[in-house]
Amino acid sequence: MDPILFEIPTVLETERLILKMPSPGDGEVVNAAIKASLTELKPWLGFAQNTPTVNETEVNTRVAHAKFLKREGLRLLIFHDSHSIIRLIV
């Protein structure tokens, strides 16, 4: 089966969490999460060696959005119920 035909929810909600695919406009909140976690991310993730700009993060988020739609990548953003991002899953 062609992966583009897979039905994958774009948002999953629980009582306390929201998991959603990256979308245009998410760059600012993702960038804030990266900046808040930079010390913890640096040893593990190549992209965290330098602090990205909001524009760089927005571009990355839009690429992730396109890959999700094409089923080439299934990155999810995890938010608290307060809509503050807490994790990035690649």
PDB file of N, CA and C in Angstrom:
ATOM      1  N   MET A   1       0.844  -1.181   0.000  1.00  0.00           N
ATOM      2  CA  MET A   1       0.000   0.000   0.000  1.00  0.00           C
ATOM      3  C   MET A   1       0.889   1.243   0.000  1.00  0.00           C
ATOM      4  N   ASP A   2       0.513   2.200  -0.768  1.00  0.00           N
ATOM      5  CA  ASP A   2       1.236   3.467  -0.823  1.00  0.00           C
ATOM      6  C   ASP A   2       1.050   4.197   0.510  1.00  0.00           C
ATOM      7  N   PRO A   3       2.148   4.614   1.163  1.00  0.00           N
ATOM      8  CA  PRO A   3       2.037   5.281   2.469  1.00  0.00           C
ATOM      9  C   PRO A   3       1.140   6.518   2.470  1.00  0.00           C
ATOM     10  N   ILE A   4       1.018   7.192   1.352  1.00  0.00           N
ATOM     11  CA  ILE A   4       0.181   8.394   1.302  1.00  0.00           C
ATOM     12  C   ILE A   4      -1.277   8.065   1.599  1.00  0.00           C
ATOM     13  N   LEU A   5      -1.652   6.791   1.443  1.00  0.00           N
ATOM     14  CA  LEU A   5      -3.028   6.373   1.706  1.00  0.00           C
ATOM     15  C   LEU A   5      -3.290   6.042   3.172  1.00  0.00           C
ATOM     16  N   PHE A   6      -2.244   5.977   3.987  1.00  0.00           N
ATOM     17  CA  PHE A   6      -2.439   5.684   5.407  1.00  0.00           C
ATOM     18  C   PHE A   6      -3.202   6.823   6.066  1.00  0.00           C
ATOM     19  N   GLU A   7      -4.230   6.477   6.803  1.00  0.00           N
ATOM     20  CA  GLU A   7      -4.988   7.467   7.570  1.00  0.00           C
ATOM     21  C   GLU A   7      -4.321   7.618   8.935  1.00  0.00           C
ATOM     22  N   ILE A   8      -3.693   8.735   9.150  1.00  0.00           N
ATOM     23  CA  ILE A   8      -3.006   9.001  10.411  1.00  0.00           C
ATOM     24  C   ILE A   8      -3.603  10.275  10.997  1.00  0.00           C
ATOM     25  N   PRO A   9      -4.085  10.211  12.227  1.00  0.00           N
ATOM     26  CA  PRO A   9      -4.665  11.420  12.824  1.00  0.00           C
ATOM     27  C   PRO A   9      -3.622  12.533  12.917  1.00  0.00           C
ATOM     28  N   THR A  10      -4.055  13.742  12.688  1.00  0.00           N
ATOM     29  CA  THR A  10      -3.148  14.883  12.794  1.00  0.00           C
ATOM     30  C   THR A  10      -3.132  15.458  14.205  1.00  0.00           C
ATOM     31  N   VAL A  11      -4.134  15.104  15.002  1.00  0.00           N
ATOM     32  CA  VAL A  11      -4.210  15.545  16.399  1.00  0.00           C
ATOM     33  C   VAL A  11      -4.749  14.393  17.235  1.00  0.00           C
ATOM     34  N   LEU A  12      -4.092  14.153  18.363  1.00  0.00           N
ATOM     35  CA  LEU A  12      -4.573  13.188  19.351  1.00  0.00           C
ATOM     36  C   LEU A  12      -4.652  13.919  20.685  1.00  0.00           C
ATOM     37  N   GLU A  13      -5.792  13.842  21.343  1.00  0.00           N
ATOM     38  CA  GLU A  13      -5.961  14.544  22.615  1.00  0.00           C
ATOM     39  C   GLU A  13      -6.305  13.564  23.717  1.00  0.00           C
ATOM     40  N   THR A  14      -5.673  13.778  24.870  1.00  0.00           N
ATOM     41  CA  THR A  14      -6.022  13.046  26.077  1.00  0.00           C
ATOM     42  C   THR A  14      -6.472  14.084  27.102  1.00  0.00           C
ATOM     43  N   GLU A  15      -6.727  13.620  28.295  1.00  0.00           N
ATOM     44  CA  GLU A  15      -7.160  14.538  29.345  1.00  0.00           C
ATOM     45  C   GLU A  15      -6.108  15.608  29.632  1.00  0.00           C
ATOM     46  N   ARG A  16      -4.831  15.233  29.516  1.00  0.00           N
ATOM     47  CA  ARG A  16      -3.758  16.168  29.877  1.00  0.00           C
ATOM     48  C   ARG A  16      -2.831  16.559  28.742  1.00  0.00           C
ATOM     49  N   LEU A  17      -2.871  15.843  27.622  1.00  0.00           N
ATOM     50  CA  LEU A  17      -1.910  16.095  26.554  1.00  0.00           C
ATOM     51  C   LEU A  17      -2.588  16.258  25.201  1.00  0.00           C
ATOM     52  N   ILE A  18      -1.908  16.987  24.348  1.00  0.00           N
ATOM     53  CA  ILE A  18      -2.304  17.103  22.947  1.00  0.00           C
ATOM     54  C   ILE A  18      -1.076  16.757  22.117  1.00  0.00           C
ATOM     55  N   LEU A  19      -1.206  15.774  21.237  1.00  0.00           N
ATOM     56  CA  LEU A  19      -0.161  15.427  20.284  1.00  0.00           C
ATOM     57  C   LEU A  19      -0.652  15.889  18.927  1.00  0.00           C
ATOM     58  N   LYS A  20       0.177  16.643  18.213  1.00  0.00           N
ATOM     59  CA  LYS A  20      -0.265  17.133  16.909  1.00  0.00           C
ATOM     60  C   LYS A  20       0.891  17.201  15.940  1.00  0.00           C
ATOM     61  N   MET A  21       0.545  17.083  14.670  1.00  0.00           N
ATOM     62  CA  MET A  21       1.568  17.235  13.650  1.00  0.00           C
ATOM     63  C   MET A  21       2.017  18.693  13.632  1.00  0.00           C
ATOM     64  N   PRO A  22       3.258  18.944  13.254  1.00  0.00           N
ATOM     65  CA  PRO A  22       3.705  20.327  13.116  1.00  0.00           C
ATOM     66  C   PRO A  22       2.892  21.029  12.033  1.00  0.00           C
ATOM     67  N   SER A  23       2.616  22.288  12.251  1.00  0.00           N
ATOM     68  CA  SER A  23       1.833  23.065  11.291  1.00  0.00           C
ATOM     69  C   SER A  23       2.489  24.418  11.067  1.00  0.00           C
ATOM     70  N   PRO A  24       2.235  25.021   9.912  1.00  0.00           N
ATOM     71  CA  PRO A  24       2.728  26.381   9.713  1.00  0.00           C
ATOM     72  C   PRO A  24       2.259  27.269  10.864  1.00  0.00           C
ATOM     73  N   GLY A  25       3.182  28.064  11.372  1.00  0.00           N
ATOM     74  CA  GLY A  25       2.870  28.933  12.500  1.00  0.00           C
ATOM     75  C   GLY A  25       3.332  28.381  13.838  1.00  0.00           C
ATOM     76  N   ASP A  26       3.751  27.107  13.876  1.00  0.00           N
ATOM     77  CA  ASP A  26       4.227  26.505  15.126  1.00  0.00           C
ATOM     78  C   ASP A  26       5.682  26.851  15.432  1.00  0.00           C
ATOM     79  N   GLY A  27       6.366  27.485  14.509  1.00  0.00           N
ATOM     80  CA  GLY A  27       7.794  27.751  14.678  1.00  0.00           C
ATOM     81  C   GLY A  27       8.138  28.521  15.934  1.00  0.00           C
ATOM     82  N   GLU A  28       7.319  29.481  16.293  1.00  0.00           N
ATOM     83  CA  GLU A  28       7.623  30.306  17.465  1.00  0.00           C
ATOM     84  C   GLU A  28       7.575  29.488  18.755  1.00  0.00           C
ATOM     85  N   VAL A  29       6.542  28.682  18.923  1.00  0.00           N
ATOM     86  CA  VAL A  29       6.420  27.890  20.154  1.00  0.00           C
ATOM     87  C   VAL A  29       7.461  26.772  20.183  1.00  0.00           C
ATOM     88  N   VAL A  30       7.773  26.189  19.030  1.00  0.00           N
ATOM     89  CA  VAL A  30       8.815  25.160  18.974  1.00  0.00           C
ATOM     90  C   VAL A  30      10.169  25.785  19.289  1.00  0.00           C
ATOM     91  N   ASN A  31      10.422  26.964  18.750  1.00  0.00           N
ATOM     92  CA  ASN A  31      11.683  27.653  19.015  1.00  0.00           C
ATOM     93  C   ASN A  31      11.826  27.957  20.504  1.00  0.00           C
ATOM     94  N   ALA A  32      10.751  28.383  21.135  1.00  0.00           N
ATOM     95  CA  ALA A  32      10.792  28.663  22.576  1.00  0.00           C
ATOM     96  C   ALA A  32      11.113  27.394  23.362  1.00  0.00           C
ATOM     97  N   ALA A  33      10.549  26.259  22.933  1.00  0.00           N
ATOM     98  CA  ALA A  33      10.829  24.987  23.617  1.00  0.00           C
ATOM     99  C   ALA A  33      12.284  24.579  23.430  1.00  0.00           C
ATOM    100  N   ILE A  34      12.812  24.788  22.233  1.00  0.00           N
ATOM    101  CA  ILE A  34      14.224  24.472  21.980  1.00  0.00           C
ATOM    102  C   ILE A  34      15.111  25.333  22.874  1.00  0.00           C
ATOM    103  N   LYS A  35      14.848  26.625  22.903  1.00  0.00           N
ATOM    104  CA  LYS A  35      15.665  27.534  23.716  1.00  0.00           C
ATOM    105  C   LYS A  35      15.595  27.168  25.195  1.00  0.00           C
ATOM    106  N   ALA A  36      14.422  26.788  25.666  1.00  0.00           N
ATOM    107  CA  ALA A  36      14.257  26.439  27.078  1.00  0.00           C
ATOM    108  C   ALA A  36      14.984  25.146  27.434  1.00  0.00           C
ATOM    109  N   SER A  37      15.242  24.297  26.441  1.00  0.00           N
ATOM    110  CA  SER A  37      15.847  22.984  26.693  1.00  0.00           C
ATOM    111  C   SER A  37      17.224  22.830  26.065  1.00  0.00           C
ATOM    112  N   LEU A  38      17.808  23.907  25.603  1.00  0.00           N
ATOM    113  CA  LEU A  38      19.045  23.827  24.831  1.00  0.00           C
ATOM    114  C   LEU A  38      20.160  23.086  25.571  1.00  0.00           C
ATOM    115  N   THR A  39      20.334  23.349  26.837  1.00  0.00           N
ATOM    116  CA  THR A  39      21.399  22.688  27.600  1.00  0.00           C
ATOM    117  C   THR A  39      21.212  21.174  27.601  1.00  0.00           C
ATOM    118  N   GLU A  40      19.976  20.729  27.772  1.00  0.00           N
ATOM    119  CA  GLU A  40      19.695  19.296  27.799  1.00  0.00           C
ATOM    120  C   GLU A  40      19.771  18.668  26.411  1.00  0.00           C
ATOM    121  N   LEU A  41      19.462  19.434  25.378  1.00  0.00           N
ATOM    122  CA  LEU A  41      19.447  18.904  24.014  1.00  0.00           C
ATOM    123  C   LEU A  41      20.840  18.807  23.390  1.00  0.00           C
ATOM    124  N   LYS A  42      21.730  19.728  23.746  1.00  0.00           N
ATOM    125  CA  LYS A  42      23.048  19.812  23.094  1.00  0.00           C
ATOM    126  C   LYS A  42      23.812  18.494  23.033  1.00  0.00           C
ATOM    127  N   PRO A  43      23.890  17.726  24.116  1.00  0.00           N
ATOM    128  CA  PRO A  43      24.681  16.494  24.030  1.00  0.00           C
ATOM    129  C   PRO A  43      24.099  15.445  23.080  1.00  0.00           C
ATOM    130  N   TRP A  44      22.833  15.571  22.729  1.00  0.00           N
ATOM    131  CA  TRP A  44      22.150  14.501  22.007  1.00  0.00           C
ATOM    132  C   TRP A  44      21.731  14.840  20.591  1.00  0.00           C
ATOM    133  N   LEU A  45      21.480  16.098  20.314  1.00  0.00           N
ATOM    134  CA  LEU A  45      20.883  16.454  19.026  1.00  0.00           C
ATOM    135  C   LEU A  45      21.729  17.478  18.281  1.00  0.00           C
ATOM    136  N   GLY A  46      22.051  17.144  17.052  1.00  0.00           N
ATOM    137  CA  GLY A  46      22.883  18.013  16.234  1.00  0.00           C
ATOM    138  C   GLY A  46      22.307  19.398  16.025  1.00  0.00           C
ATOM    139  N   PHE A  47      20.990  19.491  15.850  1.00  0.00           N
ATOM    140  CA  PHE A  47      20.394  20.799  15.580  1.00  0.00           C
ATOM    141  C   PHE A  47      20.491  21.735  16.777  1.00  0.00           C
ATOM    142  N   ALA A  48      20.764  21.190  17.945  1.00  0.00           N
ATOM    143  CA  ALA A  48      20.777  22.007  19.160  1.00  0.00           C
ATOM    144  C   ALA A  48      22.158  22.574  19.482  1.00  0.00           C
ATOM    145  N   GLN A  49      23.115  22.404  18.607  1.00  0.00           N
ATOM    146  CA  GLN A  49      24.453  22.924  18.878  1.00  0.00           C
ATOM    147  C   GLN A  49      24.486  24.445  18.799  1.00  0.00           C
ATOM    148  N   ASN A  50      23.619  24.993  17.990  1.00  0.00           N
ATOM    149  CA  ASN A  50      23.479  26.444  17.873  1.00  0.00           C
ATOM    150  C   ASN A  50      22.011  26.786  18.082  1.00  0.00           C
ATOM    151  N   THR A  51      21.767  27.933  18.667  1.00  0.00           N
ATOM    152  CA  THR A  51      20.389  28.351  18.894  1.00  0.00           C
ATOM    153  C   THR A  51      19.774  28.784  17.568  1.00  0.00           C
ATOM    154  N   PRO A  52      18.724  28.092  17.115  1.00  0.00           N
ATOM    155  CA  PRO A  52      18.108  28.480  15.847  1.00  0.00           C
ATOM    156  C   PRO A  52      17.277  29.754  16.013  1.00  0.00           C
ATOM    157  N   THR A  53      17.137  30.473  14.923  1.00  0.00           N
ATOM    158  CA  THR A  53      16.245  31.633  14.935  1.00  0.00           C
ATOM    159  C   THR A  53      14.809  31.137  14.813  1.00  0.00           C
ATOM    160  N   VAL A  54      13.871  32.007  15.104  1.00  0.00           N
ATOM    161  CA  VAL A  54      12.462  31.643  14.945  1.00  0.00           C
ATOM    162  C   VAL A  54      12.187  31.307  13.480  1.00  0.00           C
ATOM    163  N   ASN A  55      12.764  32.067  12.551  1.00  0.00           N
ATOM    164  CA  ASN A  55      12.550  31.787  11.124  1.00  0.00           C
ATOM    165  C   ASN A  55      13.098  30.419  10.734  1.00  0.00           C
ATOM    166  N   GLU A  56      14.286  30.068  11.234  1.00  0.00           N
ATOM    167  CA  GLU A  56      14.855  28.746  10.938  1.00  0.00           C
ATOM    168  C   GLU A  56      13.956  27.641  11.485  1.00  0.00           C
ATOM    169  N   THR A  57      13.447  27.850  12.680  1.00  0.00           N
ATOM    170  CA  THR A  57      12.564  26.848  13.279  1.00  0.00           C
ATOM    171  C   THR A  57      11.246  26.762  12.517  1.00  0.00           C
ATOM    172  N   GLU A  58      10.739  27.890  12.057  1.00  0.00           N
ATOM    173  CA  GLU A  58       9.499  27.879  11.270  1.00  0.00           C
ATOM    174  C   GLU A  58       9.701  27.119   9.964  1.00  0.00           C
ATOM    175  N   VAL A  59      10.832  27.326   9.310  1.00  0.00           N
ATOM    176  CA  VAL A  59      11.125  26.584   8.077  1.00  0.00           C
ATOM    177  C   VAL A  59      11.175  25.090   8.382  1.00  0.00           C
ATOM    178  N   ASN A  60      11.886  24.722   9.442  1.00  0.00           N
ATOM    179  CA  ASN A  60      12.002  23.317   9.828  1.00  0.00           C
ATOM    180  C   ASN A  60      10.631  22.722  10.147  1.00  0.00           C
ATOM    181  N   THR A  61       9.800  23.486  10.814  1.00  0.00           N
ATOM    182  CA  THR A  61       8.458  23.024  11.176  1.00  0.00           C
ATOM    183  C   THR A  61       7.596  22.827   9.931  1.00  0.00           C
ATOM    184  N   ARG A  62       7.715  23.733   8.969  1.00  0.00           N
ATOM    185  CA  ARG A  62       6.939  23.594   7.729  1.00  0.00           C
ATOM    186  C   ARG A  62       7.411  22.406   6.898  1.00  0.00           C
ATOM    187  N   VAL A  63       8.714  22.152   6.902  1.00  0.00           N
ATOM    188  CA  VAL A  63       9.237  20.964   6.213  1.00  0.00           C
ATOM    189  C   VAL A  63       8.689  19.707   6.889  1.00  0.00           C
ATOM    190  N   ALA A  64       8.675  19.692   8.219  1.00  0.00           N
ATOM    191  CA  ALA A  64       8.121  18.548   8.953  1.00  0.00           C
ATOM    192  C   ALA A  64       6.638  18.368   8.643  1.00  0.00           C
ATOM    193  N   HIS A  65       5.922  19.469   8.497  1.00  0.00           N
ATOM    194  CA  HIS A  65       4.498  19.423   8.142  1.00  0.00           C
ATOM    195  C   HIS A  65       4.314  18.750   6.774  1.00  0.00           C
ATOM    196  N   ALA A  66       5.103  19.188   5.803  1.00  0.00           N
ATOM    197  CA  ALA A  66       5.008  18.617   4.453  1.00  0.00           C
ATOM    198  C   ALA A  66       5.363  17.128   4.465  1.00  0.00           C
ATOM    199  N   LYS A  67       6.404  16.767   5.209  1.00  0.00           N
ATOM    200  CA  LYS A  67       6.799  15.357   5.290  1.00  0.00           C
ATOM    201  C   LYS A  67       5.715  14.520   5.955  1.00  0.00           C
ATOM    202  N   PHE A  68       5.047  15.087   6.956  1.00  0.00           N
ATOM    203  CA  PHE A  68       3.951  14.374   7.609  1.00  0.00           C
ATOM    204  C   PHE A  68       2.847  14.095   6.594  1.00  0.00           C
ATOM    205  N   LEU A  69       2.472  15.102   5.837  1.00  0.00           N
ATOM    206  CA  LEU A  69       1.399  14.933   4.855  1.00  0.00           C
ATOM    207  C   LEU A  69       1.768  13.915   3.781  1.00  0.00           C
ATOM    208  N   LYS A  70       3.060  13.865   3.413  1.00  0.00           N
ATOM    209  CA  LYS A  70       3.521  12.911   2.397  1.00  0.00           C
ATOM    210  C   LYS A  70       3.881  11.555   3.008  1.00  0.00           C
ATOM    211  N   ARG A  71       3.762  11.443   4.331  1.00  0.00           N
ATOM    212  CA  ARG A  71       4.084  10.219   5.078  1.00  0.00           C
ATOM    213  C   ARG A  71       5.559   9.848   4.953  1.00  0.00           C
ATOM    214  N   GLU A  72       6.392  10.871   4.829  1.00  0.00           N
ATOM    215  CA  GLU A  72       7.839  10.663   4.787  1.00  0.00           C
ATOM    216  C   GLU A  72       8.458  10.845   6.166  1.00  0.00           C
ATOM    217  N   GLY A  73       7.736  11.445   7.070  1.00  0.00           N
ATOM    218  CA  GLY A  73       8.175  11.657   8.442  1.00  0.00           C
ATOM    219  C   GLY A  73       6.943  11.903   9.290  1.00  0.00           C
ATOM    220  N   LEU A  74       6.950  11.432  10.499  1.00  0.00           N
ATOM    221  CA  LEU A  74       5.767  11.577  11.353  1.00  0.00           C
ATOM    222  C   LEU A  74       6.134  12.252  12.671  1.00  0.00           C
ATOM    223  N   ARG A  75       6.727  13.418  12.576  1.00  0.00           N
ATOM    224  CA  ARG A  75       7.058  14.186  13.777  1.00  0.00           C
ATOM    225  C   ARG A  75       5.765  14.617  14.458  1.00  0.00           C
ATOM    226  N   LEU A  76       5.781  14.562  15.776  1.00  0.00           N
ATOM    227  CA  LEU A  76       4.654  15.040  16.566  1.00  0.00           C
ATOM    228  C   LEU A  76       5.146  16.056  17.580  1.00  0.00           C
ATOM    229  N   LEU A  77       4.324  17.028  17.866  1.00  0.00           N
ATOM    230  CA  LEU A  77       4.581  17.974  18.942  1.00  0.00           C
ATOM    231  C   LEU A  77       3.677  17.573  20.095  1.00  0.00           C
ATOM    232  N   ILE A  78       4.210  17.599  21.296  1.00  0.00           N
ATOM    233  CA  ILE A  78       3.426  17.229  22.472  1.00  0.00           C
ATOM    234  C   ILE A  78       3.221  18.476  23.321  1.00  0.00           C
ATOM    235  N   PHE A  79       1.967  18.773  23.601  1.00  0.00           N
ATOM    236  CA  PHE A  79       1.605  19.946  24.382  1.00  0.00           C
ATOM    237  C   PHE A  79       0.903  19.514  25.664  1.00  0.00           C
ATOM    238  N   HIS A  80       1.127  20.289  26.735  1.00  0.00           N
ATOM    239  CA  HIS A  80       0.298  20.162  27.931  1.00  0.00           C
ATOM    240  C   HIS A  80      -1.094  20.632  27.551  1.00  0.00           C
ATOM    241  N   ASP A  81      -2.062  20.319  28.366  1.00  0.00           N
ATOM    242  CA  ASP A  81      -3.408  20.802  28.084  1.00  0.00           C
ATOM    243  C   ASP A  81      -3.472  22.328  28.074  1.00  0.00           C
ATOM    244  N   SER A  82      -2.457  22.967  28.649  1.00  0.00           N
ATOM    245  CA  SER A  82      -2.408  24.431  28.635  1.00  0.00           C
ATOM    246  C   SER A  82      -1.884  24.958  27.299  1.00  0.00           C
ATOM    247  N   HIS A  83      -1.584  24.055  26.381  1.00  0.00           N
ATOM    248  CA  HIS A  83      -1.082  24.372  25.045  1.00  0.00           C
ATOM    249  C   HIS A  83       0.359  24.867  25.044  1.00  0.00           C
ATOM    250  N   SER A  84       1.085  24.617  26.130  1.00  0.00           N
ATOM    251  CA  SER A  84       2.509  24.930  26.111  1.00  0.00           C
ATOM    252  C   SER A  84       3.251  23.672  25.685  1.00  0.00           C
ATOM    253  N   ILE A  85       4.146  23.827  24.737  1.00  0.00           N
ATOM    254  CA  ILE A  85       4.848  22.661  24.204  1.00  0.00           C
ATOM    255  C   ILE A  85       5.784  22.096  25.267  1.00  0.00           C
ATOM    256  N   ILE A  86       5.851  20.779  25.333  1.00  0.00           N
ATOM    257  CA  ILE A  86       6.752  20.175  26.307  1.00  0.00           C
ATOM    258  C   ILE A  86       7.780  19.257  25.672  1.00  0.00           C
ATOM    259  N   ARG A  87       7.538  18.743  24.495  1.00  0.00           N
ATOM    260  CA  ARG A  87       8.476  17.816  23.871  1.00  0.00           C
ATOM    261  C   ARG A  87       8.382  17.890  22.360  1.00  0.00           C
ATOM    262  N   LEU A  88       9.472  17.513  21.746  1.00  0.00           N
ATOM    263  CA  LEU A  88       9.495  17.341  20.303  1.00  0.00           C
ATOM    264  C   LEU A  88       9.825  15.886  20.035  1.00  0.00           C
ATOM    265  N   ILE A  89       9.068  15.252  19.190  1.00  0.00           N
ATOM    266  CA  ILE A  89       9.362  13.876  18.794  1.00  0.00           C
ATOM    267  C   ILE A  89       9.610  13.893  17.298  1.00  0.00           C
ATOM    268  N   VAL A  90      10.753  13.370  16.913  1.00  0.00           N
ATOM    269  CA  VAL A  90      11.090  13.346  15.486  1.00  0.00           C
ATOM    270  C   VAL A  90      10.862  11.950  14.960  1.00  0.00           C
TER     271      VAL A  90
END
